[in-house]
Amino acid sequence: MSCLLRQLSEPADAMVIDTHPQLDDEQLYLEPHQQLLNFLFDKAAAHNLQRTATSVYTPEITMEGHNTRAYMYTMEIEQWIVRQITPREDFPIQYAAYTERRATPGYLARVISSMPDVRFPFLTQCATLGSFRNGIFDARNKQIYLYERRVEEVFGSNVHSVQQLAPHISTGGYFDFAIPLAWLDPAFDCIAALRSVLSTQKEN
């Protein structure tokens, strides 16, 4: 929050998948630990997770079900791996691959901590972007990217769809406040209004 406030003042557990993914022909030729790695990357992608070198982060979701692109800490990577393959009765193939060799848990943790993969991007927060109840606001140019666009609304050049943002972009944080679109009128000082609202939320 402090990063976004600074910009304005200037010009994480539903991660268990119930169904087992089917192995394609290419995966059938992979070693069990390699198949397991693909399984973990696919699970991360299914839940839009992101990671750092040590931890897993999940996106905050609004009450309406919108992905805010603001990420919160969930758990350490090693713990997350175990959560994805247990209970063993639900994931017998993956659990067997994980426990077959003593070196496998360390191997998986090292790879997930360091190897790039578009299915499980590394978390890089953009301090000038803030997630709000109705969209993502860019403090650099006073643009908003709405989660939903309704045809009856009139939009200006500074109002866009969230689909126009890069898919893996993450914001500086989530603020439980819907930005009134009237604030985006060029004649209105939306930066001052937002600064006031966020400062009040911070104090409370």
Foldseek 3Di string as FASTA:
>chain_A
DVLQLVLLVPCAPPQEDQDDDDDDPVLVPDDLLVNLLVRVLQSLLVQLWEAALWFIWGFDAAPVGFGQLATDTHGTPLVVSVVHCPPCVRRVSSVCSCPVDPCSSVVSSNCVSDPDDPSHHHADADSQWEGENFFIAGSNPGATAGCDDDPVDDDDPRYHHPVPDDPNYHYPYYDHHDQPRVCSPPVHSVSVVVSVVVVVVVVD
